[in-house]
Amino acid sequence: MADLKSQFEQAVKDSKSLPEKPDNMTLLKIYALYKQASSGDVEGKRPGFSDMVGRAKWDAWNAAKGQIPEAAMQEYVDLIEALK
């Protein structure tokens, strides 16, 4: 677990210096996996229609609902590695 956590932390750092900016759907996936790994399942109400960015982020995170944090960490690490 400690090894996965350190890989995850390194992937978070690496995500800030990718060779090119990922498309919006990939960015939402990165966001959702990060939030699921670090905070668990999404809580609270879905943002209103006027907050389109917040709504898209909430929807992406909600799609990962139920995934255990360790699995989200591993998927995050794998995704960032693929984008390097």
Protein backbone atom coordinates (compact mmCIF):
# COMPACT_ATOMS: atom_id res chain seq x y z
CA MET A 1 0.00 0.00 0.00
CA ALA A 2 2.80 2.43 0.89
CA ASP A 3 4.38 1.75 -2.50
CA LEU A 4 1.10 2.43 -4.33
CA LYS A 5 0.63 5.64 -2.33
CA SER A 6 4.10 6.87 -3.31
CA GLN A 7 3.44 5.95 -6.97
CA PHE A 8 0.15 7.86 -6.77
CA GLU A 9 1.84 10.93 -5.27
CA GLN A 10 4.49 10.82 -8.01
CA ALA A 11 1.80 10.48 -10.68
CA VAL A 12 0.04 13.55 -9.25
CA LYS A 13 3.29 15.50 -9.64
CA ASP A 14 3.83 14.06 -13.12
CA SER A 15 0.30 15.05 -14.17
CA LYS A 16 1.28 18.71 -13.88
CA SER A 17 4.06 18.35 -16.46
CA LEU A 18 2.63 16.12 -19.18
CA PRO A 19 4.11 16.67 -22.66
CA GLU A 20 0.73 17.84 -23.99
CA LYS A 21 -2.57 18.78 -22.38
CA PRO A 22 -5.06 15.88 -22.44
CA ASP A 23 -8.51 16.34 -23.98
CA ASN A 24 -11.41 17.34 -21.72
CA MET A 25 -12.77 13.81 -21.30
CA THR A 26 -9.35 12.57 -20.18
CA LEU A 27 -8.99 15.55 -17.81
CA LEU A 28 -12.36 14.65 -16.27
CA LYS A 29 -11.21 11.03 -15.85
CA ILE A 30 -7.99 12.20 -14.18
CA TYR A 31 -10.02 14.46 -11.87
CA ALA A 32 -12.52 11.72 -10.99
CA LEU A 33 -9.83 9.14 -10.22
CA TYR A 34 -7.89 11.63 -8.10
CA LYS A 35 -10.97 12.58 -6.09
CA GLN A 36 -12.07 8.95 -5.68
CA ALA A 37 -8.58 7.92 -4.55
CA SER A 38 -8.14 10.83 -2.14
CA SER A 39 -11.69 11.48 -0.87
CA GLY A 40 -13.80 8.41 -1.63
CA ASP A 41 -17.32 8.55 -3.04
CA VAL A 42 -18.77 11.88 -4.14
CA GLU A 43 -21.06 13.55 -1.61
CA GLY A 44 -23.48 16.41 -1.79
CA LYS A 45 -25.90 17.51 -4.44
CA ARG A 46 -25.15 17.66 -8.14
CA PRO A 47 -24.40 21.27 -9.19
CA GLY A 48 -27.11 23.13 -11.05
CA PHE A 49 -27.36 23.51 -14.79
CA SER A 50 -25.72 26.96 -14.71
CA ASP A 51 -22.49 25.45 -13.29
CA MET A 52 -21.54 23.34 -16.30
CA VAL A 53 -17.92 22.73 -15.24
CA GLY A 54 -18.87 21.76 -11.70
CA ARG A 55 -21.63 19.54 -13.05
CA ALA A 56 -19.24 17.75 -15.45
CA LYS A 57 -16.71 17.20 -12.63
CA TRP A 58 -19.42 15.92 -10.28
CA ASP A 59 -20.75 13.55 -12.96
CA ALA A 60 -17.24 12.21 -13.68
CA TRP A 61 -16.54 11.65 -9.99
CA ASN A 62 -19.96 10.09 -9.45
CA ALA A 63 -19.20 7.60 -12.25
CA ALA A 64 -16.34 6.26 -10.08
CA LYS A 65 -18.65 5.80 -7.08
CA GLY A 66 -18.06 2.53 -5.25
CA GLN A 67 -14.51 2.07 -6.52
CA ILE A 68 -12.11 1.42 -3.66
CA PRO A 69 -9.45 4.13 -3.22
CA GLU A 70 -6.57 1.73 -3.96
CA ALA A 71 -8.11 0.74 -7.29
CA ALA A 72 -8.64 4.41 -8.18
CA MET A 73 -5.01 5.14 -7.26
CA GLN A 74 -3.74 2.34 -9.50
CA GLU A 75 -5.95 3.43 -12.40
CA TYR A 76 -4.76 7.03 -11.94
CA VAL A 77 -1.08 5.95 -11.97
CA ASP A 78 -1.66 3.83 -15.09
CA LEU A 79 -3.48 6.66 -16.90
CA ILE A 80 -0.77 9.24 -16.15
CA GLU A 81 1.93 6.78 -17.25
CA ALA A 82 0.08 6.25 -20.54
CA LEU A 83 -0.08 10.00 -21.12
CA LYS A 84 3.66 10.58 -20.62
